[in-house]
Amino acid sequence: MRSSLPSFACPDHDGTGVDTLVVAGASTSGCVRATVMDAVQSGFNVLVPADCCADRALAPHEANLYDMHQKYADVTDADHIERWFFSL
């Protein structure tokens, strides 16, 4: 059971080859945002598929997606991220 909002703990990702995370979830304004911020602070690039996120109300969902896109992550959709994965 996790004791904080972010859903991952990766204090040392050097050498793993992982540089980008895709973050999605059912609480855009809570867990998704907290995880995005932790990921950025840990040195990851972050992609957020907006169509794979939700919140209790539309207004905080949209406001948080907008804010994350402006400051922390590339907010796009799942199809775009899938196409990017297959292009690697």
PDB file of N, CA and C in Angstrom:
ATOM      1  N   MET A   1       0.840  -1.170   0.000  1.00  0.00           N
ATOM      2  CA  MET A   1       0.000   0.000   0.000  1.00  0.00           C
ATOM      3  C   MET A   1       0.886   1.235   0.000  1.00  0.00           C
ATOM      4  N   ARG A   2       0.578   2.181  -0.865  1.00  0.00           N
ATOM      5  CA  ARG A   2       1.392   3.384  -0.919  1.00  0.00           C
ATOM      6  C   ARG A   2       0.985   4.352   0.189  1.00  0.00           C
ATOM      7  N   SER A   3       1.964   5.139   0.628  1.00  0.00           N
ATOM      8  CA  SER A   3       1.714   6.063   1.727  1.00  0.00           C
ATOM      9  C   SER A   3       1.690   7.513   1.270  1.00  0.00           C
ATOM     10  N   SER A   4       1.841   7.731  -0.033  1.00  0.00           N
ATOM     11  CA  SER A   4       1.795   9.091  -0.564  1.00  0.00           C
ATOM     12  C   SER A   4       1.094   9.065  -1.916  1.00  0.00           C
ATOM     13  N   LEU A   5       0.822  10.230  -2.450  1.00  0.00           N
ATOM     14  CA  LEU A   5       0.079  10.306  -3.701  1.00  0.00           C
ATOM     15  C   LEU A   5       0.793   9.732  -4.921  1.00  0.00           C
ATOM     16  N   PRO A   6       2.073  10.024  -5.164  1.00  0.00           N
ATOM     17  CA  PRO A   6       2.703   9.513  -6.384  1.00  0.00           C
ATOM     18  C   PRO A   6       2.692   7.993  -6.431  1.00  0.00           C
ATOM     19  N   SER A   7       2.597   7.466  -7.636  1.00  0.00           N
ATOM     20  CA  SER A   7       2.469   6.016  -7.777  1.00  0.00           C
ATOM     21  C   SER A   7       3.772   5.330  -8.127  1.00  0.00           C
ATOM     22  N   PHE A   8       4.890   6.033  -8.089  1.00  0.00           N
ATOM     23  CA  PHE A   8       6.163   5.378  -8.343  1.00  0.00           C
ATOM     24  C   PHE A   8       7.227   5.971  -7.433  1.00  0.00           C
ATOM     25  N   ALA A   9       8.253   5.192  -7.204  1.00  0.00           N
ATOM     26  CA  ALA A   9       9.427   5.668  -6.476  1.00  0.00           C
ATOM     27  C   ALA A   9      10.636   5.135  -7.216  1.00  0.00           C
ATOM     28  N   CYS A  10      11.384   6.017  -7.805  1.00  0.00           N
ATOM     29  CA  CYS A  10      12.539   5.615  -8.602  1.00  0.00           C
ATOM     30  C   CYS A  10      13.675   6.586  -8.311  1.00  0.00           C
ATOM     31  N   PRO A  11      14.290   6.472  -7.137  1.00  0.00           N
ATOM     32  CA  PRO A  11      15.294   7.452  -6.754  1.00  0.00           C
ATOM     33  C   PRO A  11      16.540   7.442  -7.631  1.00  0.00           C
ATOM     34  N   ASP A  12      16.840   6.304  -8.264  1.00  0.00           N
ATOM     35  CA  ASP A  12      18.048   6.223  -9.076  1.00  0.00           C
ATOM     36  C   ASP A  12      17.744   5.471 -10.363  1.00  0.00           C
ATOM     37  N   HIS A  13      17.381   6.207 -11.399  1.00  0.00           N
ATOM     38  CA  HIS A  13      17.051   5.559 -12.660  1.00  0.00           C
ATOM     39  C   HIS A  13      18.213   5.586 -13.634  1.00  0.00           C
ATOM     40  N   ASP A  14      19.371   6.050 -13.207  1.00  0.00           N
ATOM     41  CA  ASP A  14      20.541   6.047 -14.084  1.00  0.00           C
ATOM     42  C   ASP A  14      20.885   4.619 -14.469  1.00  0.00           C
ATOM     43  N   GLY A  15      21.183   4.424 -15.727  1.00  0.00           N
ATOM     44  CA  GLY A  15      21.569   3.109 -16.191  1.00  0.00           C
ATOM     45  C   GLY A  15      20.416   2.230 -16.622  1.00  0.00           C
ATOM     46  N   THR A  16      19.196   2.651 -16.373  1.00  0.00           N
ATOM     47  CA  THR A  16      18.053   1.830 -16.763  1.00  0.00           C
ATOM     48  C   THR A  16      17.674   2.036 -18.221  1.00  0.00           C
ATOM     49  N   GLY A  17      18.088   3.154 -18.789  1.00  0.00           N
ATOM     50  CA  GLY A  17      17.701   3.485 -20.154  1.00  0.00           C
ATOM     51  C   GLY A  17      16.338   4.142 -20.240  1.00  0.00           C
ATOM     52  N   VAL A  18      15.647   4.242 -19.132  1.00  0.00           N
ATOM     53  CA  VAL A  18      14.317   4.868 -19.104  1.00  0.00           C
ATOM     54  C   VAL A  18      14.503   6.368 -18.933  1.00  0.00           C
ATOM     55  N   ASP A  19      13.933   7.137 -19.868  1.00  0.00           N
ATOM     56  CA  ASP A  19      14.007   8.589 -19.737  1.00  0.00           C
ATOM     57  C   ASP A  19      12.640   9.259 -19.842  1.00  0.00           C
ATOM     58  N   THR A  20      11.621   8.480 -20.200  1.00  0.00           N
ATOM     59  CA  THR A  20      10.288   9.031 -20.408  1.00  0.00           C
ATOM     60  C   THR A  20       9.252   8.143 -19.731  1.00  0.00           C
ATOM     61  N   LEU A  21       8.306   8.771 -19.052  1.00  0.00           N
ATOM     62  CA  LEU A  21       7.204   8.045 -18.423  1.00  0.00           C
ATOM     63  C   LEU A  21       5.882   8.506 -19.007  1.00  0.00           C
ATOM     64  N   VAL A  22       4.938   7.584 -19.098  1.00  0.00           N
ATOM     65  CA  VAL A  22       3.561   7.898 -19.468  1.00  0.00           C
ATOM     66  C   VAL A  22       2.750   7.780 -18.187  1.00  0.00           C
ATOM     67  N   VAL A  23       2.060   8.860 -17.821  1.00  0.00           N
ATOM     68  CA  VAL A  23       1.305   8.893 -16.569  1.00  0.00           C
ATOM     69  C   VAL A  23      -0.172   9.081 -16.883  1.00  0.00           C
ATOM     70  N   ALA A  24      -1.000   8.191 -16.343  1.00  0.00           N
ATOM     71  CA  ALA A  24      -2.453   8.267 -16.523  1.00  0.00           C
ATOM     72  C   ALA A  24      -3.105   7.816 -15.221  1.00  0.00           C
ATOM     73  N   GLY A  25      -4.375   8.169 -15.032  1.00  0.00           N
ATOM     74  CA  GLY A  25      -5.052   7.722 -13.827  1.00  0.00           C
ATOM     75  C   GLY A  25      -6.415   8.343 -13.645  1.00  0.00           C
ATOM     76  N   ALA A  26      -7.036   8.007 -12.530  1.00  0.00           N
ATOM     77  CA  ALA A  26      -8.421   8.399 -12.271  1.00  0.00           C
ATOM     78  C   ALA A  26      -8.558   9.632 -11.390  1.00  0.00           C
ATOM     79  N   SER A  27      -7.458  10.302 -11.094  1.00  0.00           N
ATOM     80  CA  SER A  27      -7.531  11.543 -10.319  1.00  0.00           C
ATOM     81  C   SER A  27      -6.520  12.531 -10.885  1.00  0.00           C
ATOM     82  N   THR A  28      -6.913  13.194 -11.959  1.00  0.00           N
ATOM     83  CA  THR A  28      -6.014  14.120 -12.649  1.00  0.00           C
ATOM     84  C   THR A  28      -5.455  15.166 -11.698  1.00  0.00           C
ATOM     85  N   SER A  29      -6.311  15.718 -10.847  1.00  0.00           N
ATOM     86  CA  SER A  29      -5.882  16.795  -9.954  1.00  0.00           C
ATOM     87  C   SER A  29      -5.141  16.292  -8.728  1.00  0.00           C
ATOM     88  N   GLY A  30      -5.121  14.986  -8.507  1.00  0.00           N
ATOM     89  CA  GLY A  30      -4.454  14.410  -7.335  1.00  0.00           C
ATOM     90  C   GLY A  30      -3.261  13.578  -7.725  1.00  0.00           C
ATOM     91  N   CYS A  31      -3.483  12.278  -7.860  1.00  0.00           N
ATOM     92  CA  CYS A  31      -2.393  11.333  -8.100  1.00  0.00           C
ATOM     93  C   CYS A  31      -1.662  11.576  -9.416  1.00  0.00           C
ATOM     94  N   VAL A  32      -2.397  11.878 -10.476  1.00  0.00           N
ATOM     95  CA  VAL A  32      -1.732  12.093 -11.769  1.00  0.00           C
ATOM     96  C   VAL A  32      -0.799  13.294 -11.674  1.00  0.00           C
ATOM     97  N   ARG A  33      -1.312  14.409 -11.190  1.00  0.00           N
ATOM     98  CA  ARG A  33      -0.496  15.616 -11.082  1.00  0.00           C
ATOM     99  C   ARG A  33       0.710  15.398 -10.160  1.00  0.00           C
ATOM    100  N   ALA A  34       0.504  14.782  -8.997  1.00  0.00           N
ATOM    101  CA  ALA A  34       1.601  14.546  -8.057  1.00  0.00           C
ATOM    102  C   ALA A  34       2.665  13.648  -8.673  1.00  0.00           C
ATOM    103  N   THR A  35       2.241  12.625  -9.400  1.00  0.00           N
ATOM    104  CA  THR A  35       3.191  11.715 -10.034  1.00  0.00           C
ATOM    105  C   THR A  35       3.958  12.423 -11.141  1.00  0.00           C
ATOM    106  N   VAL A  36       3.269  13.234 -11.931  1.00  0.00           N
ATOM    107  CA  VAL A  36       3.940  14.010 -12.981  1.00  0.00           C
ATOM    108  C   VAL A  36       5.012  14.907 -12.368  1.00  0.00           C
ATOM    109  N   MET A  37       4.672  15.609 -11.315  1.00  0.00           N
ATOM    110  CA  MET A  37       5.629  16.524 -10.694  1.00  0.00           C
ATOM    111  C   MET A  37       6.827  15.764 -10.114  1.00  0.00           C
ATOM    112  N   ASP A  38       6.583  14.634  -9.467  1.00  0.00           N
ATOM    113  CA  ASP A  38       7.689  13.829  -8.949  1.00  0.00           C
ATOM    114  C   ASP A  38       8.569  13.301 -10.075  1.00  0.00           C
ATOM    115  N   ALA A  39       7.952  12.878 -11.155  1.00  0.00           N
ATOM    116  CA  ALA A  39       8.714  12.361 -12.291  1.00  0.00           C
ATOM    117  C   ALA A  39       9.614  13.440 -12.889  1.00  0.00           C
ATOM    118  N   VAL A  40       9.071  14.628 -13.076  1.00  0.00           N
ATOM    119  CA  VAL A  40       9.865  15.737 -13.622  1.00  0.00           C
ATOM    120  C   VAL A  40      11.014  16.073 -12.675  1.00  0.00           C
ATOM    121  N   GLN A  41      10.741  16.114 -11.389  1.00  0.00           N
ATOM    122  CA  GLN A  41      11.789  16.414 -10.403  1.00  0.00           C
ATOM    123  C   GLN A  41      12.844  15.312 -10.350  1.00  0.00           C
ATOM    124  N   SER A  42      12.490  14.116 -10.789  1.00  0.00           N
ATOM    125  CA  SER A  42      13.444  13.006 -10.833  1.00  0.00           C
ATOM    126  C   SER A  42      14.177  12.936 -12.169  1.00  0.00           C
ATOM    127  N   GLY A  43      13.900  13.878 -13.070  1.00  0.00           N
ATOM    128  CA  GLY A  43      14.631  13.956 -14.328  1.00  0.00           C
ATOM    129  C   GLY A  43      14.003  13.248 -15.508  1.00  0.00           C
ATOM    130  N   PHE A  44      12.767  12.789 -15.390  1.00  0.00           N
ATOM    131  CA  PHE A  44      12.091  12.116 -16.494  1.00  0.00           C
ATOM    132  C   PHE A  44      11.377  13.117 -17.403  1.00  0.00           C
ATOM    133  N   ASN A  45      11.273  12.771 -18.660  1.00  0.00           N
ATOM    134  CA  ASN A  45      10.325  13.415 -19.557  1.00  0.00           C
ATOM    135  C   ASN A  45       8.985  12.748 -19.280  1.00  0.00           C
ATOM    136  N   VAL A  46       7.887  13.509 -19.365  1.00  0.00           N
ATOM    137  CA  VAL A  46       6.587  12.947 -19.009  1.00  0.00           C
ATOM    138  C   VAL A  46       5.567  13.195 -20.109  1.00  0.00           C
ATOM    139  N   LEU A  47       4.836  12.130 -20.448  1.00  0.00           N
ATOM    140  CA  LEU A  47       3.713  12.201 -21.376  1.00  0.00           C
ATOM    141  C   LEU A  47       2.441  11.883 -20.606  1.00  0.00           C
ATOM    142  N   VAL A  48       1.397  12.675 -20.827  1.00  0.00           N
ATOM    143  CA  VAL A  48       0.109  12.442 -20.185  1.00  0.00           C
ATOM    144  C   VAL A  48      -0.952  12.292 -21.270  1.00  0.00           C
ATOM    145  N   PRO A  49      -1.518  11.095 -21.437  1.00  0.00           N
ATOM    146  CA  PRO A  49      -2.618  10.929 -22.384  1.00  0.00           C
ATOM    147  C   PRO A  49      -3.918  11.425 -21.735  1.00  0.00           C
ATOM    148  N   ALA A  50      -4.386  12.570 -22.176  1.00  0.00           N
ATOM    149  CA  ALA A  50      -5.563  13.191 -21.550  1.00  0.00           C
ATOM    150  C   ALA A  50      -6.779  12.280 -21.596  1.00  0.00           C
ATOM    151  N   ASP A  51      -6.890  11.481 -22.653  1.00  0.00           N
ATOM    152  CA  ASP A  51      -8.047  10.591 -22.787  1.00  0.00           C
ATOM    153  C   ASP A  51      -7.940   9.346 -21.903  1.00  0.00           C
ATOM    154  N   CYS A  52      -6.864   9.240 -21.131  1.00  0.00           N
ATOM    155  CA  CYS A  52      -6.698   8.141 -20.183  1.00  0.00           C
ATOM    156  C   CYS A  52      -6.669   8.652 -18.743  1.00  0.00           C
ATOM    157  N   CYS A  53      -7.154   9.864 -18.548  1.00  0.00           N
ATOM    158  CA  CYS A  53      -7.213  10.475 -17.226  1.00  0.00           C
ATOM    159  C   CYS A  53      -8.637  10.937 -16.957  1.00  0.00           C
ATOM    160  N   ALA A  54      -8.959  11.056 -15.677  1.00  0.00           N
ATOM    161  CA  ALA A  54     -10.298  11.507 -15.288  1.00  0.00           C
ATOM    162  C   ALA A  54     -10.217  12.160 -13.916  1.00  0.00           C
ATOM    163  N   ASP A  55     -11.278  12.846 -13.566  1.00  0.00           N
ATOM    164  CA  ASP A  55     -11.386  13.458 -12.251  1.00  0.00           C
ATOM    165  C   ASP A  55     -12.856  13.494 -11.879  1.00  0.00           C
ATOM    166  N   ARG A  56     -13.151  13.888 -10.652  1.00  0.00           N
ATOM    167  CA  ARG A  56     -14.552  13.920 -10.203  1.00  0.00           C
ATOM    168  C   ARG A  56     -15.395  14.937 -10.938  1.00  0.00           C
ATOM    169  N   ALA A  57     -14.762  15.990 -11.409  1.00  0.00           N
ATOM    170  CA  ALA A  57     -15.472  17.045 -12.133  1.00  0.00           C
ATOM    171  C   ALA A  57     -14.621  17.477 -13.320  1.00  0.00           C
ATOM    172  N   LEU A  58     -15.265  17.966 -14.345  1.00  0.00           N
ATOM    173  CA  LEU A  58     -14.566  18.346 -15.571  1.00  0.00           C
ATOM    174  C   LEU A  58     -13.643  19.545 -15.377  1.00  0.00           C
ATOM    175  N   ALA A  59     -14.066  20.537 -14.608  1.00  0.00           N
ATOM    176  CA  ALA A  59     -13.267  21.760 -14.454  1.00  0.00           C
ATOM    177  C   ALA A  59     -11.882  21.497 -13.863  1.00  0.00           C
ATOM    178  N   PRO A  60     -11.750  20.785 -12.734  1.00  0.00           N
ATOM    179  CA  PRO A  60     -10.393  20.535 -12.227  1.00  0.00           C
ATOM    180  C   PRO A  60      -9.581  19.621 -13.142  1.00  0.00           C
ATOM    181  N   HIS A  61     -10.245  18.699 -13.802  1.00  0.00           N
ATOM    182  CA  HIS A  61      -9.576  17.820 -14.772  1.00  0.00           C
ATOM    183  C   HIS A  61      -8.927  18.661 -15.868  1.00  0.00           C
ATOM    184  N   GLU A  62      -9.717  19.513 -16.501  1.00  0.00           N
ATOM    185  CA  GLU A  62      -9.200  20.324 -17.601  1.00  0.00           C
ATOM    186  C   GLU A  62      -8.165  21.339 -17.129  1.00  0.00           C
ATOM    187  N   ALA A  63      -8.392  21.946 -15.961  1.00  0.00           N
ATOM    188  CA  ALA A  63      -7.445  22.933 -15.439  1.00  0.00           C
ATOM    189  C   ALA A  63      -6.093  22.292 -15.149  1.00  0.00           C
ATOM    190  N   ASN A  64      -6.097  21.109 -14.583  1.00  0.00           N
ATOM    191  CA  ASN A  64      -4.840  20.442 -14.265  1.00  0.00           C
ATOM    192  C   ASN A  64      -4.123  19.945 -15.514  1.00  0.00           C
ATOM    193  N   LEU A  65      -4.862  19.441 -16.490  1.00  0.00           N
ATOM    194  CA  LEU A  65      -4.224  19.065 -17.759  1.00  0.00           C
ATOM    195  C   LEU A  65      -3.566  20.278 -18.400  1.00  0.00           C
ATOM    196  N   TYR A  66      -4.269  21.396 -18.415  1.00  0.00           N
ATOM    197  CA  TYR A  66      -3.717  22.629 -18.989  1.00  0.00           C
ATOM    198  C   TYR A  66      -2.437  23.030 -18.265  1.00  0.00           C
ATOM    199  N   ASP A  67      -2.495  23.062 -16.936  1.00  0.00           N
ATOM    200  CA  ASP A  67      -1.347  23.488 -16.148  1.00  0.00           C
ATOM    201  C   ASP A  67      -0.156  22.543 -16.318  1.00  0.00           C
ATOM    202  N   MET A  68      -0.418  21.239 -16.293  1.00  0.00           N
ATOM    203  CA  MET A  68       0.684  20.291 -16.490  1.00  0.00           C
ATOM    204  C   MET A  68       1.310  20.461 -17.865  1.00  0.00           C
ATOM    205  N   HIS A  69       0.484  20.701 -18.871  1.00  0.00           N
ATOM    206  CA  HIS A  69       1.006  20.883 -20.226  1.00  0.00           C
ATOM    207  C   HIS A  69       1.857  22.151 -20.328  1.00  0.00           C
ATOM    208  N   GLN A  70       1.463  23.187 -19.632  1.00  0.00           N
ATOM    209  CA  GLN A  70       2.206  24.438 -19.673  1.00  0.00           C
ATOM    210  C   GLN A  70       3.543  24.360 -18.950  1.00  0.00           C
ATOM    211  N   LYS A  71       3.647  23.503 -17.920  1.00  0.00           N
ATOM    212  CA  LYS A  71       4.825  23.530 -17.058  1.00  0.00           C
ATOM    213  C   LYS A  71       5.634  22.240 -16.992  1.00  0.00           C
ATOM    214  N   TYR A  72       4.977  21.085 -17.063  1.00  0.00           N
ATOM    215  CA  TYR A  72       5.670  19.858 -16.672  1.00  0.00           C
ATOM    216  C   TYR A  72       5.672  18.724 -17.692  1.00  0.00           C
ATOM    217  N   ALA A  73       4.644  18.596 -18.497  1.00  0.00           N
ATOM    218  CA  ALA A  73       4.481  17.387 -19.311  1.00  0.00           C
ATOM    219  C   ALA A  73       3.967  17.721 -20.699  1.00  0.00           C
ATOM    220  N   ASP A  74       4.121  16.750 -21.582  1.00  0.00           N
ATOM    221  CA  ASP A  74       3.467  16.834 -22.885  1.00  0.00           C
ATOM    222  C   ASP A  74       2.123  16.136 -22.746  1.00  0.00           C
ATOM    223  N   VAL A  75       1.058  16.919 -22.781  1.00  0.00           N
ATOM    224  CA  VAL A  75      -0.294  16.363 -22.678  1.00  0.00           C
ATOM    225  C   VAL A  75      -0.815  16.166 -24.091  1.00  0.00           C
ATOM    226  N   THR A  76      -1.183  14.943 -24.395  1.00  0.00           N
ATOM    227  CA  THR A  76      -1.629  14.574 -25.737  1.00  0.00           C
ATOM    228  C   THR A  76      -2.707  13.506 -25.584  1.00  0.00           C
ATOM    229  N   ASP A  77      -2.834  12.600 -26.549  1.00  0.00           N
ATOM    230  CA  ASP A  77      -3.810  11.523 -26.414  1.00  0.00           C
ATOM    231  C   ASP A  77      -3.109  10.171 -26.596  1.00  0.00           C
ATOM    232  N   ALA A  78      -3.796   9.121 -26.225  1.00  0.00           N
ATOM    233  CA  ALA A  78      -3.205   7.781 -26.249  1.00  0.00           C
ATOM    234  C   ALA A  78      -2.769   7.366 -27.650  1.00  0.00           C
ATOM    235  N   ASP A  79      -3.547   7.709 -28.673  1.00  0.00           N
ATOM    236  CA  ASP A  79      -3.171   7.345 -30.040  1.00  0.00           C
ATOM    237  C   ASP A  79      -1.842   7.974 -30.442  1.00  0.00           C
ATOM    238  N   HIS A  80      -1.655   9.228 -30.087  1.00  0.00           N
ATOM    239  CA  HIS A  80      -0.413   9.920 -30.411  1.00  0.00           C
ATOM    240  C   HIS A  80       0.768   9.265 -29.700  1.00  0.00           C
ATOM    241  N   ILE A  81       0.590   8.912 -28.441  1.00  0.00           N
ATOM    242  CA  ILE A  81       1.665   8.262 -27.679  1.00  0.00           C
ATOM    243  C   ILE A  81       1.967   6.879 -28.252  1.00  0.00           C
ATOM    244  N   GLU A  82       0.935   6.140 -28.625  1.00  0.00           N
ATOM    245  CA  GLU A  82       1.147   4.820 -29.223  1.00  0.00           C
ATOM    246  C   GLU A  82       1.933   4.932 -30.526  1.00  0.00           C
ATOM    247  N   ARG A  83       1.586   5.890 -31.369  1.00  0.00           N
ATOM    248  CA  ARG A  83       2.322   6.092 -32.628  1.00  0.00           C
ATOM    249  C   ARG A  83       3.784   6.431 -32.339  1.00  0.00           C
ATOM    250  N   TRP A  84       4.011   7.238 -31.305  1.00  0.00           N
ATOM    251  CA  TRP A  84       5.385   7.608 -30.933  1.00  0.00           C
ATOM    252  C   TRP A  84       6.163   6.361 -30.501  1.00  0.00           C
ATOM    253  N   PHE A  85       5.531   5.502 -29.664  1.00  0.00           N
ATOM    254  CA  PHE A  85       6.205   4.277 -29.224  1.00  0.00           C
ATOM    255  C   PHE A  85       6.608   3.414 -30.420  1.00  0.00           C
ATOM    256  N   PHE A  86       5.712   3.254 -31.368  1.00  0.00           N
ATOM    257  CA  PHE A  86       6.014   2.389 -32.516  1.00  0.00           C
ATOM    258  C   PHE A  86       7.039   3.007 -33.465  1.00  0.00           C
ATOM    259  N   SER A  87       7.279   4.307 -33.333  1.00  0.00           N
ATOM    260  CA  SER A  87       8.279   4.958 -34.187  1.00  0.00           C
ATOM    261  C   SER A  87       9.690   4.824 -33.619  1.00  0.00           C
ATOM    262  N   LEU A  88       9.804   4.356 -32.397  1.00  0.00           N
ATOM    263  CA  LEU A  88      11.131   4.250 -31.767  1.00  0.00           C
ATOM    264  C   LEU A  88      11.940   3.110 -32.337  1.00  0.00           C
TER     265      LEU A  88
END
